[in-house]
Every structure is written in C-alpha cells, then in structure tokens.
C-alpha cells in the first residue's frame, strides 16, 4: 500500500512521528519513576503487540533476512541503549544536545543515497533548527563540556550516529514492509528487559493515571511513531524530515508548559521562530513543488 504514496504524502506521514515523539517527555513524566530500561521494555512490548493487532501482515513481514533484522533491532535498541547509557554518564543537558545532532546527521548522510542531492537550504535549515533546539534544551542558560564525562558524551554521539544511520540506511531496504517494525519492537523489548534485570530495580506504576501514560507511550511515541517514521524515511523527503525533526524538543517543551511540568520563557518563543524558519527553509523545494502542482490543476 505504501508503495503508491507520493513523496510529499510519505513525508507528512513521517512527520507525524515527530509529533508523537513530542509527547514522549510528558508521558514519561506522567508514567512515574520506572527505570529507563524497564520503561523501554514495557513500552516497546506494547508498541510491538499493538502493531501486530492493527497490521495483520506484521507476522508475515517478520520473515526478513539477517541484514534487515540487524538494521532494525540495531537502530531501535542500539539507539536507546546508547542514549540511556549517556544519560547515566554525562549531564543530561550536554548529553541531550549531542544526541540532537541526529537530525543534522540524517541530512548529511542522505547525500549518499541514490537520487538525493544535498542542497544549501538543507544545511542552512538544519543549522537554524539546531540553534533553536539548543535554546530549548539549555533554556538559554548556556552549557559546558567537562572531560570527566567524555564516555557519556561519546555514547551520546554514538546514539546520534546510530539513529541517523538507521534512518538513512532504511531507504536501502525500501522494499521491506513497514509492518516489520512490529518484530523489531518486540526484540528490542526483550533486549531492554535483559538490561533491566541486570542493571535496574523494578518499579511499577502507582495508579491508573501512570498506567494510562505508560500505555499511551507504548501506543504512540513507541509503536505508531516508529511505524510512520519508517514510511517517511523510505518514501518521503528524508532531508526535510531531518530538519523538521528539530521541532520535537520544542513541541515537547510546549506540551510540558501546557500541562504544568515546565514554565514558559521568552527563550521558547525565539526557539520556536528559529526551528520553524529552519524547517520551512529546508522544505522550500517540497513546498514549492506542491504549490506549483496545485496551481497547475
């Protein structure tokens, strides 16, 4: 079915993953104090099982050669493992900033794909959006890097490289159905559960609200988000998706403000303008083509 999608439609579908990821911080905060790997195991299990229920072809789609499994599980589990390891071994602001290099790396790596061209507006758009993301993550208070956290910084960079590589290399396997994401999620859940048993103490939600947030995490930012992202990176404009991904930390912060988990500052408005300008600049060609096509009709 997805093979018949236009490039612009697939790009829009992929961007819905960014919208879903913007709910990640709020739902994580609302889900209680569950340790990172336990949270990953539970939410990926929910996400994988939900995809199996709504996508009847998901079981058949699991019959993939080893390279596809290595890419899928390596991308999903490898990214989360490195990111959580970085947060344990470096200050969260600096680790988060390094991790948020992945959208820029997607744009740069995509130049290696057949039929893709890296234009000036893609890099300029990403640079603007990255500046906005830095303001969001640091709250305009600045940041610094300390050599004693080098291992954490290096792991955060590994996380960024893994996710960018996974997203770009997925285009090489465009013929693989996005239904296979269900299997990748379930294997990721198993590996995360093993990490949890080895490294963490088990903590379960304390009330129905926390259970609801946990379920929401599994259904949205984990299950559905990775499915639609797969469609976007395989059939959409991956460079536009990379630049637009910088809206995730901004939208996440706005949701936290609206729900009372964070407070507003004028830095957020400046970041909003920068990220929006960057995304529009990067998407200039795509938007222009759509406008031209509409005018021709």
C-alpha atoms as a PDB file:
ATOM      1  CA  UNK A   1       0.000   0.000   0.000  1.00  0.00           C
ATOM      2  CA  UNK A   2       2.763   2.470   0.935  1.00  0.00           C
ATOM      3  CA  UNK A   3       4.475   1.938  -2.423  1.00  0.00           C
ATOM      4  CA  UNK A   4       1.769   4.095  -4.044  1.00  0.00           C
ATOM      5  CA  UNK A   5       2.287   7.076  -1.720  1.00  0.00           C
ATOM      6  CA  UNK A   6       3.561  10.318  -3.194  1.00  0.00           C
ATOM      7  CA  UNK A   7       6.816  11.742  -1.845  1.00  0.00           C
ATOM      8  CA  UNK A   8       5.045  14.635  -0.128  1.00  0.00           C
ATOM      9  CA  UNK A   9       2.402  12.372   1.458  1.00  0.00           C
ATOM     10  CA  UNK A  10       5.060   9.995   2.766  1.00  0.00           C
ATOM     11  CA  UNK A  11       6.971  12.981   4.170  1.00  0.00           C
ATOM     12  CA  UNK A  12       3.866  14.169   6.013  1.00  0.00           C
ATOM     13  CA  UNK A  13       3.249  10.666   7.380  1.00  0.00           C
ATOM     14  CA  UNK A  14       6.861  10.536   8.569  1.00  0.00           C
ATOM     15  CA  UNK A  15       6.476  13.902  10.284  1.00  0.00           C
ATOM     16  CA  UNK A  16       3.633  12.537  12.409  1.00  0.00           C
ATOM     17  CA  UNK A  17       6.346  10.504  14.159  1.00  0.00           C
ATOM     18  CA  UNK A  18       7.933  13.790  15.245  1.00  0.00           C
ATOM     19  CA  UNK A  19       4.564  14.948  16.575  1.00  0.00           C
ATOM     20  CA  UNK A  20       4.202  11.693  18.516  1.00  0.00           C
ATOM     21  CA  UNK A  21       7.754  11.956  19.893  1.00  0.00           C
ATOM     22  CA  UNK A  22       6.909  15.406  21.202  1.00  0.00           C
ATOM     23  CA  UNK A  23       4.593  13.626  23.674  1.00  0.00           C
ATOM     24  CA  UNK A  24       7.461  11.485  24.958  1.00  0.00           C
ATOM     25  CA  UNK A  25       8.650  13.773  27.773  1.00  0.00           C
ATOM     26  CA  UNK A  26       5.136  14.472  29.065  1.00  0.00           C
ATOM     27  CA  UNK A  27       4.016  10.835  29.029  1.00  0.00           C
ATOM     28  CA  UNK A  28       7.304   9.707  30.549  1.00  0.00           C
ATOM     29  CA  UNK A  29       6.943  12.222  33.377  1.00  0.00           C
ATOM     30  CA  UNK A  30       3.312  11.190  33.898  1.00  0.00           C
ATOM     31  CA  UNK A  31       4.165   7.473  33.960  1.00  0.00           C
ATOM     32  CA  UNK A  32       6.016   7.687  37.278  1.00  0.00           C
ATOM     33  CA  UNK A  33       9.547   6.636  38.192  1.00  0.00           C
ATOM     34  CA  UNK A  34      10.011   3.452  36.206  1.00  0.00           C
ATOM     35  CA  UNK A  35      13.718   2.894  35.350  1.00  0.00           C
ATOM     36  CA  UNK A  36      14.789   3.607  31.771  1.00  0.00           C
ATOM     37  CA  UNK A  37      15.361   0.069  30.516  1.00  0.00           C
ATOM     38  CA  UNK A  38      12.227  -1.260  32.196  1.00  0.00           C
ATOM     39  CA  UNK A  39      10.273   1.577  30.613  1.00  0.00           C
ATOM     40  CA  UNK A  40      11.812   0.731  27.239  1.00  0.00           C
ATOM     41  CA  UNK A  41      10.982  -2.962  27.613  1.00  0.00           C
ATOM     42  CA  UNK A  42       7.355  -2.360  28.582  1.00  0.00           C
ATOM     43  CA  UNK A  43       6.609   0.346  26.009  1.00  0.00           C
ATOM     44  CA  UNK A  44       8.275  -1.490  23.127  1.00  0.00           C
ATOM     45  CA  UNK A  45       6.328  -4.619  24.061  1.00  0.00           C
ATOM     46  CA  UNK A  46       3.100  -2.593  23.983  1.00  0.00           C
ATOM     47  CA  UNK A  47       4.121  -0.965  20.706  1.00  0.00           C
ATOM     48  CA  UNK A  48       5.080  -4.230  19.022  1.00  0.00           C
ATOM     49  CA  UNK A  49       1.966  -6.087  20.146  1.00  0.00           C
ATOM     50  CA  UNK A  50      -0.321  -3.210  19.134  1.00  0.00           C
ATOM     51  CA  UNK A  51       1.187  -3.186  15.634  1.00  0.00           C
ATOM     52  CA  UNK A  52       0.600  -6.929  15.401  1.00  0.00           C
ATOM     53  CA  UNK A  53      -3.073  -6.336  16.201  1.00  0.00           C
ATOM     54  CA  UNK A  54      -3.704  -3.475  13.757  1.00  0.00           C
ATOM     55  CA  UNK A  55      -1.434  -4.735  10.946  1.00  0.00           C
ATOM     56  CA  UNK A  56      -2.419  -8.339  10.089  1.00  0.00           C
ATOM     57  CA  UNK A  57       0.555  -8.643   7.756  1.00  0.00           C
ATOM     58  CA  UNK A  58       3.066  -7.890  10.513  1.00  0.00           C
ATOM     59  CA  UNK A  59       3.708 -11.545  11.370  1.00  0.00           C
ATOM     60  CA  UNK A  60       4.476 -12.405   7.753  1.00  0.00           C
ATOM     61  CA  UNK A  61       6.646  -9.283   7.488  1.00  0.00           C
ATOM     62  CA  UNK A  62       8.922 -10.668  10.203  1.00  0.00           C
ATOM     63  CA  UNK A  63      10.349 -13.134   7.705  1.00  0.00           C
ATOM     64  CA  UNK A  64      13.289 -10.979   6.732  1.00  0.00           C
ATOM     65  CA  UNK A  65      16.960 -11.711   6.016  1.00  0.00           C
ATOM     66  CA  UNK A  66      19.527 -11.154   8.751  1.00  0.00           C
ATOM     67  CA  UNK A  67      20.752  -7.731   7.487  1.00  0.00           C
ATOM     68  CA  UNK A  68      17.221  -6.322   7.814  1.00  0.00           C
ATOM     69  CA  UNK A  69      16.953  -7.581  11.401  1.00  0.00           C
ATOM     70  CA  UNK A  70      20.387  -6.236  12.269  1.00  0.00           C
ATOM     71  CA  UNK A  71      19.448  -2.807  10.930  1.00  0.00           C
ATOM     72  CA  UNK A  72      16.012  -2.722  12.579  1.00  0.00           C
ATOM     73  CA  UNK A  73      16.978  -4.013  16.008  1.00  0.00           C
ATOM     74  CA  UNK A  74      20.359  -2.282  15.896  1.00  0.00           C
ATOM     75  CA  UNK A  75      18.635   1.011  15.177  1.00  0.00           C
ATOM     76  CA  UNK A  76      15.865   0.782  17.770  1.00  0.00           C
ATOM     77  CA  UNK A  77      17.690  -0.968  20.611  1.00  0.00           C
ATOM     78  CA  UNK A  78      21.167   0.377  19.825  1.00  0.00           C
ATOM     79  CA  UNK A  79      19.972   3.972  19.892  1.00  0.00           C
ATOM     80  CA  UNK A  80      18.073   3.632  23.165  1.00  0.00           C
ATOM     81  CA  UNK A  81      20.871   1.708  24.869  1.00  0.00           C
ATOM     82  CA  UNK A  82      23.474   4.345  23.944  1.00  0.00           C
ATOM     83  CA  UNK A  83      21.175   7.237  24.838  1.00  0.00           C
ATOM     84  CA  UNK A  84      20.320   5.874  28.287  1.00  0.00           C
ATOM     85  CA  UNK A  85      23.980   4.995  28.916  1.00  0.00           C
ATOM     86  CA  UNK A  86      24.897   8.581  28.004  1.00  0.00           C
ATOM     87  CA  UNK A  87      22.339   9.993  30.441  1.00  0.00           C
ATOM     88  CA  UNK A  88      23.832   7.847  33.198  1.00  0.00           C
ATOM     89  CA  UNK A  89      27.380   9.032  32.477  1.00  0.00           C
ATOM     90  CA  UNK A  90      27.020  12.699  31.493  1.00  0.00           C
ATOM     91  CA  UNK A  91      24.906  15.731  32.477  1.00  0.00           C
ATOM     92  CA  UNK A  92      21.507  15.432  30.724  1.00  0.00           C
ATOM     93  CA  UNK A  93      21.677  18.856  29.015  1.00  0.00           C
ATOM     94  CA  UNK A  94      25.006  18.206  27.306  1.00  0.00           C
ATOM     95  CA  UNK A  95      24.112  14.588  26.515  1.00  0.00           C
ATOM     96  CA  UNK A  96      20.805  15.742  25.050  1.00  0.00           C
ATOM     97  CA  UNK A  97      22.475  18.358  22.879  1.00  0.00           C
ATOM     98  CA  UNK A  98      24.947  15.853  21.434  1.00  0.00           C
ATOM     99  CA  UNK A  99      22.145  13.371  20.870  1.00  0.00           C
ATOM    100  CA  UNK A 100      20.181  16.021  18.954  1.00  0.00           C
ATOM    101  CA  UNK A 101      22.819  16.011  16.266  1.00  0.00           C
ATOM    102  CA  UNK A 102      20.928  13.107  14.671  1.00  0.00           C
ATOM    103  CA  UNK A 103      18.595  15.233  12.510  1.00  0.00           C
ATOM    104  CA  UNK A 104      21.584  17.109  11.086  1.00  0.00           C
ATOM    105  CA  UNK A 105      23.426  13.818  10.520  1.00  0.00           C
ATOM    106  CA  UNK A 106      20.374  12.456   8.667  1.00  0.00           C
ATOM    107  CA  UNK A 107      20.504  15.404   6.297  1.00  0.00           C
ATOM    108  CA  UNK A 108      24.254  14.983   5.724  1.00  0.00           C
ATOM    109  CA  UNK A 109      24.198  11.167   5.388  1.00  0.00           C
ATOM    110  CA  UNK A 110      21.248  11.316   2.994  1.00  0.00           C
ATOM    111  CA  UNK A 111      23.520  12.855   0.356  1.00  0.00           C
ATOM    112  CA  UNK A 112      24.983   9.357  -0.068  1.00  0.00           C
ATOM    113  CA  UNK A 113      21.636   7.923  -1.153  1.00  0.00           C
ATOM    114  CA  UNK A 114      20.856   7.351  -4.842  1.00  0.00           C
ATOM    115  CA  UNK A 115      18.706  10.140  -6.284  1.00  0.00           C
ATOM    116  CA  UNK A 116      19.254  12.501  -3.340  1.00  0.00           C
ATOM    117  CA  UNK A 117      21.041  15.848  -3.535  1.00  0.00           C
ATOM    118  CA  UNK A 118      22.241  17.853  -0.568  1.00  0.00           C
ATOM    119  CA  UNK A 119      21.344  21.497  -1.176  1.00  0.00           C
ATOM    120  CA  UNK A 120      22.383  24.603   0.707  1.00  0.00           C
ATOM    121  CA  UNK A 121      18.919  25.111   2.175  1.00  0.00           C
ATOM    122  CA  UNK A 122      19.004  21.690   3.828  1.00  0.00           C
ATOM    123  CA  UNK A 123      22.188  22.501   5.752  1.00  0.00           C
ATOM    124  CA  UNK A 124      21.115  26.098   6.474  1.00  0.00           C
ATOM    125  CA  UNK A 125      17.670  24.949   7.623  1.00  0.00           C
ATOM    126  CA  UNK A 126      19.188  22.343   9.917  1.00  0.00           C
ATOM    127  CA  UNK A 127      21.634  24.894  11.343  1.00  0.00           C
ATOM    128  CA  UNK A 128      18.783  27.284  12.200  1.00  0.00           C
ATOM    129  CA  UNK A 129      16.701  24.498  13.691  1.00  0.00           C
ATOM    130  CA  UNK A 130      19.661  23.137  15.675  1.00  0.00           C
ATOM    131  CA  UNK A 131      20.210  26.615  17.150  1.00  0.00           C
ATOM    132  CA  UNK A 132      16.589  26.643  18.248  1.00  0.00           C
ATOM    133  CA  UNK A 133      16.916  23.163  19.741  1.00  0.00           C
ATOM    134  CA  UNK A 134      19.991  24.271  21.709  1.00  0.00           C
ATOM    135  CA  UNK A 135      17.955  27.137  23.193  1.00  0.00           C
ATOM    136  CA  UNK A 136      15.156  24.745  24.139  1.00  0.00           C
ATOM    137  CA  UNK A 137      17.407  22.179  25.789  1.00  0.00           C
ATOM    138  CA  UNK A 138      19.592  24.709  27.667  1.00  0.00           C
ATOM    139  CA  UNK A 139      16.727  27.128  28.449  1.00  0.00           C
ATOM    140  CA  UNK A 140      19.110  29.853  27.272  1.00  0.00           C
ATOM    141  CA  UNK A 141      21.380  29.291  30.275  1.00  0.00           C
ATOM    142  CA  UNK A 142      24.391  28.069  28.324  1.00  0.00           C
ATOM    143  CA  UNK A 143      26.243  24.792  28.627  1.00  0.00           C
ATOM    144  CA  UNK A 144      29.734  23.416  29.059  1.00  0.00           C
ATOM    145  CA  UNK A 145      31.592  20.189  28.436  1.00  0.00           C
ATOM    146  CA  UNK A 146      33.729  18.527  31.116  1.00  0.00           C
ATOM    147  CA  UNK A 147      36.387  15.971  30.191  1.00  0.00           C
ATOM    148  CA  UNK A 148      35.383  13.695  33.079  1.00  0.00           C
ATOM    149  CA  UNK A 149      32.133  12.948  31.208  1.00  0.00           C
ATOM    150  CA  UNK A 150      33.890  12.007  27.952  1.00  0.00           C
ATOM    151  CA  UNK A 151      32.478   8.473  27.978  1.00  0.00           C
ATOM    152  CA  UNK A 152      28.931   9.794  28.300  1.00  0.00           C
ATOM    153  CA  UNK A 153      29.477  12.370  25.565  1.00  0.00           C
ATOM    154  CA  UNK A 154      30.937   9.739  23.249  1.00  0.00           C
ATOM    155  CA  UNK A 155      27.988   7.441  23.855  1.00  0.00           C
ATOM    156  CA  UNK A 156      25.530  10.261  23.163  1.00  0.00           C
ATOM    157  CA  UNK A 157      27.310  10.850  19.850  1.00  0.00           C
ATOM    158  CA  UNK A 158      27.070   7.114  19.133  1.00  0.00           C
ATOM    159  CA  UNK A 159      23.322   7.321  19.751  1.00  0.00           C
ATOM    160  CA  UNK A 160      23.011  10.185  17.258  1.00  0.00           C
ATOM    161  CA  UNK A 161      25.073   8.335  14.640  1.00  0.00           C
ATOM    162  CA  UNK A 162      23.108   5.104  15.148  1.00  0.00           C
ATOM    163  CA  UNK A 163      19.713   6.751  14.697  1.00  0.00           C
ATOM    164  CA  UNK A 164      20.815   8.803  11.698  1.00  0.00           C
ATOM    165  CA  UNK A 165      22.406   5.730  10.102  1.00  0.00           C
ATOM    166  CA  UNK A 166      19.327   3.604  10.777  1.00  0.00           C
ATOM    167  CA  UNK A 167      17.040   6.234   9.260  1.00  0.00           C
ATOM    168  CA  UNK A 168      19.149   6.712   6.134  1.00  0.00           C
ATOM    169  CA  UNK A 169      20.001   3.024   5.602  1.00  0.00           C
ATOM    170  CA  UNK A 170      16.297   2.156   5.853  1.00  0.00           C
ATOM    171  CA  UNK A 171      15.975   3.727   2.388  1.00  0.00           C
ATOM    172  CA  UNK A 172      18.242   0.926   1.128  1.00  0.00           C
ATOM    173  CA  UNK A 173      15.590  -1.542   2.294  1.00  0.00           C
ATOM    174  CA  UNK A 174      12.601   0.358   0.908  1.00  0.00           C
ATOM    175  CA  UNK A 175      11.103  -2.888  -0.368  1.00  0.00           C
ATOM    176  CA  UNK A 176      10.801  -4.204   3.194  1.00  0.00           C
ATOM    177  CA  UNK A 177       7.295  -3.638   4.536  1.00  0.00           C
ATOM    178  CA  UNK A 178       6.995  -1.198   7.433  1.00  0.00           C
ATOM    179  CA  UNK A 179       4.972  -3.926   9.161  1.00  0.00           C
ATOM    180  CA  UNK A 180       8.343  -5.481  10.075  1.00  0.00           C
ATOM    181  CA  UNK A 181       8.699  -2.715  12.683  1.00  0.00           C
ATOM    182  CA  UNK A 182       6.477  -4.823  14.971  1.00  0.00           C
ATOM    183  CA  UNK A 183       9.124  -7.541  15.113  1.00  0.00           C
ATOM    184  CA  UNK A 184      11.926  -5.036  15.689  1.00  0.00           C
ATOM    185  CA  UNK A 185       9.966  -3.540  18.595  1.00  0.00           C
ATOM    186  CA  UNK A 186       9.396  -6.935  20.230  1.00  0.00           C
ATOM    187  CA  UNK A 187      13.068  -7.955  20.007  1.00  0.00           C
ATOM    188  CA  UNK A 188      14.042  -4.538  21.368  1.00  0.00           C
ATOM    189  CA  UNK A 189      11.651  -5.130  24.280  1.00  0.00           C
ATOM    190  CA  UNK A 190      13.341  -8.454  25.067  1.00  0.00           C
ATOM    191  CA  UNK A 191      16.853  -6.968  24.966  1.00  0.00           C
ATOM    192  CA  UNK A 192      15.767  -3.995  27.104  1.00  0.00           C
ATOM    193  CA  UNK A 193      14.195  -6.395  29.618  1.00  0.00           C
ATOM    194  CA  UNK A 194      17.523  -8.225  29.922  1.00  0.00           C
ATOM    195  CA  UNK A 195      19.326  -4.913  30.519  1.00  0.00           C
ATOM    196  CA  UNK A 196      16.724  -4.026  33.139  1.00  0.00           C
ATOM    197  CA  UNK A 197      17.173  -7.309  35.011  1.00  0.00           C
ATOM    198  CA  UNK A 198      20.951  -6.822  35.042  1.00  0.00           C
ATOM    199  CA  UNK A 199      21.131  -3.101  35.837  1.00  0.00           C
ATOM    200  CA  UNK A 200      17.941  -1.824  37.499  1.00  0.00           C
ATOM    201  CA  UNK A 201      15.429  -2.319  40.270  1.00  0.00           C
ATOM    202  CA  UNK A 202      11.868  -2.994  39.114  1.00  0.00           C
ATOM    203  CA  UNK A 203       9.338  -0.208  39.709  1.00  0.00           C
ATOM    204  CA  UNK A 204       5.704  -0.419  38.574  1.00  0.00           C
ATOM    205  CA  UNK A 205       3.167   2.439  38.127  1.00  0.00           C
ATOM    206  CA  UNK A 206       1.436   3.504  41.329  1.00  0.00           C
ATOM    207  CA  UNK A 207      -2.022   4.369  39.951  1.00  0.00           C
ATOM    208  CA  UNK A 208      -4.296   4.237  36.917  1.00  0.00           C
ATOM    209  CA  UNK A 209      -3.039   7.610  35.625  1.00  0.00           C
ATOM    210  CA  UNK A 210       0.519   6.307  35.472  1.00  0.00           C
ATOM    211  CA  UNK A 211      -0.646   3.069  33.825  1.00  0.00           C
ATOM    212  CA  UNK A 212      -2.554   5.148  31.259  1.00  0.00           C
ATOM    213  CA  UNK A 213       0.540   7.232  30.500  1.00  0.00           C
ATOM    214  CA  UNK A 214       2.560   4.036  30.111  1.00  0.00           C
ATOM    215  CA  UNK A 215       0.003   2.636  27.683  1.00  0.00           C
ATOM    216  CA  UNK A 216      -0.011   5.920  25.775  1.00  0.00           C
ATOM    217  CA  UNK A 217       3.784   5.765  25.469  1.00  0.00           C
ATOM    218  CA  UNK A 218       3.661   2.291  24.022  1.00  0.00           C
ATOM    219  CA  UNK A 219       0.867   3.012  21.545  1.00  0.00           C
ATOM    220  CA  UNK A 220       2.075   6.418  20.315  1.00  0.00           C
ATOM    221  CA  UNK A 221       5.695   7.583  20.683  1.00  0.00           C
ATOM    222  CA  UNK A 222       6.953   3.987  20.530  1.00  0.00           C
ATOM    223  CA  UNK A 223       4.652   1.777  18.451  1.00  0.00           C
ATOM    224  CA  UNK A 224       2.965   4.000  15.887  1.00  0.00           C
ATOM    225  CA  UNK A 225       5.771   6.567  15.739  1.00  0.00           C
ATOM    226  CA  UNK A 226       8.421   4.111  14.556  1.00  0.00           C
ATOM    227  CA  UNK A 227       5.992   2.674  12.004  1.00  0.00           C
ATOM    228  CA  UNK A 228       5.187   6.027  10.376  1.00  0.00           C
ATOM    229  CA  UNK A 229       8.829   7.137  10.619  1.00  0.00           C
ATOM    230  CA  UNK A 230       9.777   4.060   8.611  1.00  0.00           C
ATOM    231  CA  UNK A 231       7.324   5.083   5.890  1.00  0.00           C
ATOM    232  CA  UNK A 232       8.688   8.629   5.875  1.00  0.00           C
ATOM    233  CA  UNK A 233      12.381   7.783   5.632  1.00  0.00           C
ATOM    234  CA  UNK A 234      11.787   5.116   2.976  1.00  0.00           C
ATOM    235  CA  UNK A 235       9.449   7.014   0.669  1.00  0.00           C
ATOM    236  CA  UNK A 236       9.420  10.673   1.735  1.00  0.00           C
ATOM    237  CA  UNK A 237      11.858  13.575   1.607  1.00  0.00           C
ATOM    238  CA  UNK A 238      14.389  12.441   4.207  1.00  0.00           C
ATOM    239  CA  UNK A 239      16.215  15.784   4.264  1.00  0.00           C
ATOM    240  CA  UNK A 240      13.031  17.688   5.074  1.00  0.00           C
ATOM    241  CA  UNK A 241      12.227  15.117   7.757  1.00  0.00           C
ATOM    242  CA  UNK A 242      15.671  15.598   9.262  1.00  0.00           C
ATOM    243  CA  UNK A 243      15.296  19.368   9.563  1.00  0.00           C
ATOM    244  CA  UNK A 244      11.670  19.142  10.726  1.00  0.00           C
ATOM    245  CA  UNK A 245      12.687  16.715  13.488  1.00  0.00           C
ATOM    246  CA  UNK A 246      14.144  19.635  15.431  1.00  0.00           C
ATOM    247  CA  UNK A 247      10.572  20.662  16.204  1.00  0.00           C
ATOM    248  CA  UNK A 248      10.280  17.664  18.555  1.00  0.00           C
ATOM    249  CA  UNK A 249      12.120  19.216  21.539  1.00  0.00           C
ATOM    250  CA  UNK A 250      10.233  22.478  21.034  1.00  0.00           C
ATOM    251  CA  UNK A 251       6.806  20.830  20.837  1.00  0.00           C
ATOM    252  CA  UNK A 252       7.749  18.630  23.785  1.00  0.00           C
ATOM    253  CA  UNK A 253       8.612  21.685  25.874  1.00  0.00           C
ATOM    254  CA  UNK A 254       5.374  23.453  24.880  1.00  0.00           C
ATOM    255  CA  UNK A 255       3.367  20.391  25.954  1.00  0.00           C
ATOM    256  CA  UNK A 256       5.227  20.312  29.295  1.00  0.00           C
ATOM    257  CA  UNK A 257       4.395  24.012  29.775  1.00  0.00           C
ATOM    258  CA  UNK A 258       0.711  23.491  28.956  1.00  0.00           C
ATOM    259  CA  UNK A 259       0.475  20.525  31.326  1.00  0.00           C
ATOM    260  CA  UNK A 260       2.281  22.248  34.180  1.00  0.00           C
ATOM    261  CA  UNK A 261       5.515  20.252  34.066  1.00  0.00           C
ATOM    262  CA  UNK A 262       7.571  23.263  32.874  1.00  0.00           C
ATOM    263  CA  UNK A 263       7.355  27.068  32.862  1.00  0.00           C
ATOM    264  CA  UNK A 264       7.268  29.474  29.909  1.00  0.00           C
ATOM    265  CA  UNK A 265      10.128  31.786  28.982  1.00  0.00           C
ATOM    266  CA  UNK A 266      10.763  34.106  26.042  1.00  0.00           C
ATOM    267  CA  UNK A 267      13.589  31.773  25.009  1.00  0.00           C
ATOM    268  CA  UNK A 268      10.898  29.318  23.921  1.00  0.00           C
ATOM    269  CA  UNK A 269       9.410  31.892  21.530  1.00  0.00           C
ATOM    270  CA  UNK A 270      12.814  32.608  19.972  1.00  0.00           C
ATOM    271  CA  UNK A 271      13.465  28.873  19.624  1.00  0.00           C
ATOM    272  CA  UNK A 272      10.060  28.448  18.001  1.00  0.00           C
ATOM    273  CA  UNK A 273      10.861  31.057  15.366  1.00  0.00           C
ATOM    274  CA  UNK A 274      14.295  29.557  14.634  1.00  0.00           C
ATOM    275  CA  UNK A 275      13.049  25.983  14.341  1.00  0.00           C
ATOM    276  CA  UNK A 276      10.076  26.976  12.207  1.00  0.00           C
ATOM    277  CA  UNK A 277      12.251  29.070   9.899  1.00  0.00           C
ATOM    278  CA  UNK A 278      14.764  26.235   9.602  1.00  0.00           C
ATOM    279  CA  UNK A 279      12.128  23.632   8.787  1.00  0.00           C
ATOM    280  CA  UNK A 280      10.455  25.873   6.184  1.00  0.00           C
ATOM    281  CA  UNK A 281      13.805  26.675   4.588  1.00  0.00           C
ATOM    282  CA  UNK A 282      14.763  23.011   4.367  1.00  0.00           C
ATOM    283  CA  UNK A 283      11.341  22.163   2.912  1.00  0.00           C
ATOM    284  CA  UNK A 284      11.452  25.005   0.382  1.00  0.00           C
ATOM    285  CA  UNK A 285      11.645  22.765  -2.674  1.00  0.00           C
ATOM    286  CA  UNK A 286       8.951  20.398  -1.429  1.00  0.00           C
ATOM    287  CA  UNK A 287       6.566  23.227  -0.568  1.00  0.00           C
ATOM    288  CA  UNK A 288       7.255  24.996  -3.853  1.00  0.00           C
ATOM    289  CA  UNK A 289       6.583  21.837  -5.854  1.00  0.00           C
ATOM    290  CA  UNK A 290       3.283  21.271  -4.091  1.00  0.00           C
ATOM    291  CA  UNK A 291       2.216  24.882  -4.650  1.00  0.00           C
ATOM    292  CA  UNK A 292       3.179  24.703  -8.313  1.00  0.00           C
ATOM    293  CA  UNK A 293       1.298  21.452  -8.778  1.00  0.00           C
ATOM    294  CA  UNK A 294      -1.806  22.931  -7.134  1.00  0.00           C
ATOM    295  CA  UNK A 295      -1.640  25.988  -9.374  1.00  0.00           C
ATOM    296  CA  UNK A 296      -1.321  23.803 -12.468  1.00  0.00           C
ATOM    297  CA  UNK A 297      -4.541  21.971 -11.577  1.00  0.00           C
END
